[in-house]
C-alpha atoms as a PDB file:
ATOM      1  CA  MET A   1     -20.127  21.006   6.189  1.00  0.00           C
ATOM      2  CA  CYS A   2     -21.071  19.044   9.256  1.00  0.00           C
ATOM      3  CA  PRO A   3     -20.497  19.867  12.948  1.00  0.00           C
ATOM      4  CA  LEU A   4     -17.329  17.748  12.950  1.00  0.00           C
ATOM      5  CA  ASP A   5     -15.905  19.807  10.077  1.00  0.00           C
ATOM      6  CA  GLU A   6     -16.290  23.030  12.034  1.00  0.00           C
ATOM      7  CA  ARG A   7     -14.738  21.468  15.132  1.00  0.00           C
ATOM      8  CA  ILE A   8     -11.807  20.202  13.054  1.00  0.00           C
ATOM      9  CA  LEU A   9     -11.225  23.657  11.574  1.00  0.00           C
ATOM     10  CA  GLU A  10     -11.422  25.259  15.017  1.00  0.00           C
ATOM     11  CA  TYR A  11      -8.984  22.705  16.437  1.00  0.00           C
ATOM     12  CA  ILE A  12      -6.482  23.283  13.620  1.00  0.00           C
ATOM     13  CA  GLU A  13      -6.806  27.039  14.043  1.00  0.00           C
ATOM     14  CA  SER A  14      -6.035  26.802  17.761  1.00  0.00           C
ATOM     15  CA  GLU A  15      -3.194  24.264  17.479  1.00  0.00           C
ATOM     16  CA  GLY A  16      -1.712  25.159  14.099  1.00  0.00           C
ATOM     17  CA  TRP A  17      -1.984  21.644  12.686  1.00  0.00           C
ATOM     18  CA  ALA A  18      -3.714  18.287  13.242  1.00  0.00           C
ATOM     19  CA  THR A  19      -3.639  14.624  12.341  1.00  0.00           C
ATOM     20  CA  PRO A  20      -6.613  12.252  12.273  1.00  0.00           C
ATOM     21  CA  SER A  21      -5.473  10.668  15.540  1.00  0.00           C
ATOM     22  CA  LEU A  22      -5.288  14.074  17.255  1.00  0.00           C
ATOM     23  CA  ILE A  23      -8.798  14.900  16.057  1.00  0.00           C
ATOM     24  CA  HIS A  24      -9.945  11.527  17.396  1.00  0.00           C
ATOM     25  CA  ARG A  25      -8.357  12.108  20.813  1.00  0.00           C
ATOM     26  CA  GLU A  26      -8.812  15.831  21.297  1.00  0.00           C
ATOM     27  CA  THR A  27     -12.272  16.735  19.998  1.00  0.00           C
ATOM     28  CA  ALA A  28     -15.480  16.056  21.873  1.00  0.00           C
ATOM     29  CA  MET A  29     -17.159  14.749  18.706  1.00  0.00           C
ATOM     30  CA  LEU A  30     -16.236  11.092  19.304  1.00  0.00           C
ATOM     31  CA  ALA A  31     -14.980  10.694  15.746  1.00  0.00           C
ATOM     32  CA  SER A  32     -12.875   7.652  14.936  1.00  0.00           C
ATOM     33  CA  CYS A  33      -9.475   8.170  13.302  1.00  0.00           C
ATOM     34  CA  ARG A  34     -10.950   6.897  10.051  1.00  0.00           C
ATOM     35  CA  ARG A  35     -13.890   9.319  10.210  1.00  0.00           C
ATOM     36  CA  ALA A  36     -11.567  12.199  11.076  1.00  0.00           C
ATOM     37  CA  PHE A  37      -9.326  11.341   8.095  1.00  0.00           C
ATOM     38  CA  GLU A  38     -12.355  11.169   5.774  1.00  0.00           C
ATOM     39  CA  ARG A  39     -13.512  14.612   6.909  1.00  0.00           C
ATOM     40  CA  LEU A  40      -9.975  16.039   6.622  1.00  0.00           C
ATOM     41  CA  LYS A  41      -9.740  14.755   3.041  1.00  0.00           C
ATOM     42  CA  ILE A  42     -13.077  16.401   2.213  1.00  0.00           C
ATOM     43  CA  LEU A  43     -11.932  19.649   3.814  1.00  0.00           C
ATOM     44  CA  GLU A  44      -8.722  19.377   1.780  1.00  0.00           C
ATOM     45  CA  GLU A  45     -10.653  18.756  -1.434  1.00  0.00           C
ATOM     46  CA  THR A  46     -12.721  21.898  -0.814  1.00  0.00           C
ATOM     47  CA  GLY A  47      -9.611  23.976  -0.064  1.00  0.00           C
ATOM     48  CA  LEU A  48     -10.278  24.583   3.635  1.00  0.00           C
ATOM     49  CA  VAL A  49      -7.241  22.630   4.856  1.00  0.00           C
ATOM     50  CA  ALA A  50      -3.976  21.614   3.204  1.00  0.00           C
ATOM     51  CA  ARG A  51      -1.207  19.093   3.762  1.00  0.00           C
ATOM     52  CA  PRO A  52       2.203  20.733   4.084  1.00  0.00           C
ATOM     53  CA  TYR A  53       3.863  17.443   3.091  1.00  0.00           C
ATOM     54  CA  GLU A  54       2.526  15.625   0.031  1.00  0.00           C
ATOM     55  CA  GLY A  55       0.959  12.328   1.048  1.00  0.00           C
ATOM     56  CA  GLY A  56       1.386  13.078   4.752  1.00  0.00           C
ATOM     57  CA  ILE A  57      -1.250  12.910   7.457  1.00  0.00           C
ATOM     58  CA  VAL A  58      -0.590  16.365   8.931  1.00  0.00           C
ATOM     59  CA  PHE A  59      -3.147  19.004   7.979  1.00  0.00           C
ATOM     60  CA  GLU A  60      -2.997  22.786   8.337  1.00  0.00           C
ATOM     61  CA  LEU A  61      -5.622  25.465   7.911  1.00  0.00           C
ATOM     62  CA  ALA A  62      -5.668  26.898   4.385  1.00  0.00           C
ATOM     63  CA  GLY A  63      -6.566  30.471   3.530  1.00  0.00           C
ATOM     64  CA  GLU A  64     -10.131  29.477   2.658  1.00  0.00           C
ATOM     65  CA  GLY A  65     -10.451  27.721   6.024  1.00  0.00           C
ATOM     66  CA  GLN A  66      -9.347  30.870   7.817  1.00  0.00           C
ATOM     67  CA  ARG A  67     -11.833  32.928   5.817  1.00  0.00           C
ATOM     68  CA  TYR A  68     -14.591  30.444   6.722  1.00  0.00           C
ATOM     69  CA  LEU A  69     -13.807  30.660  10.439  1.00  0.00           C
ATOM     70  CA  CYS A  70     -13.742  34.458  10.268  1.00  0.00           C
ATOM     71  CA  GLY A  71     -17.201  34.460   8.721  1.00  0.00           C
ATOM     72  CA  GLU A  72     -15.941  35.797   5.399  1.00  0.00           C
ATOM     73  CA  LEU A  73     -16.807  32.654   3.432  1.00  0.00           C
ATOM     74  CA  ASP A  74     -20.133  30.829   3.205  1.00  0.00           C
ATOM     75  CA  ALA A  75     -19.138  27.258   2.406  1.00  0.00           C
ATOM     76  CA  ALA A  76     -22.553  26.386   0.976  1.00  0.00           C
ATOM     77  CA  LYS A  77     -22.370  29.225  -1.551  1.00  0.00           C
ATOM     78  CA  HIS A  78     -18.675  29.488  -2.384  1.00  0.00           C
ATOM     79  CA  LEU A  79     -17.198  26.003  -2.275  1.00  0.00           C
ATOM     80  CA  GLU A  80     -17.699  23.248  -4.795  1.00  0.00           C
ATOM     81  CA  ARG A  81     -18.949  19.926  -3.529  1.00  0.00           C
ATOM     82  CA  PRO A  82     -15.999  17.537  -3.270  1.00  0.00           C
ATOM     83  CA  ASN A  83     -15.545  14.859  -5.895  1.00  0.00           C
ATOM     84  CA  PRO A  84     -16.354  11.493  -4.232  1.00  0.00           C
ATOM     85  CA  LYS A  85     -13.814   9.744  -6.485  1.00  0.00           C
ATOM     86  CA  ALA A  86     -11.087  12.006  -5.111  1.00  0.00           C
ATOM     87  CA  MET A  87     -11.820  10.770  -1.608  1.00  0.00           C
ATOM     88  CA  ASN A  88     -10.588   7.216  -2.262  1.00  0.00           C
END
């Protein structure tokens, strides 16, 4: 987890969904669309966010993401590191 990941999760929680371009425009982290998409894919791989439409670019908060934001889940202890090959 990096600071951008937490900001992304918080943004999705407040808005209900996000796309990489929304993260780029709306967060104060100055993340490019590409960087936002990379982080969203990692968050998806770890089960913190999910895509409601297969292959789409819209992401929603998953149950694990909600648990993380509520302080019920320690990402470092409970989530597997994402597979770099899955990120391509």
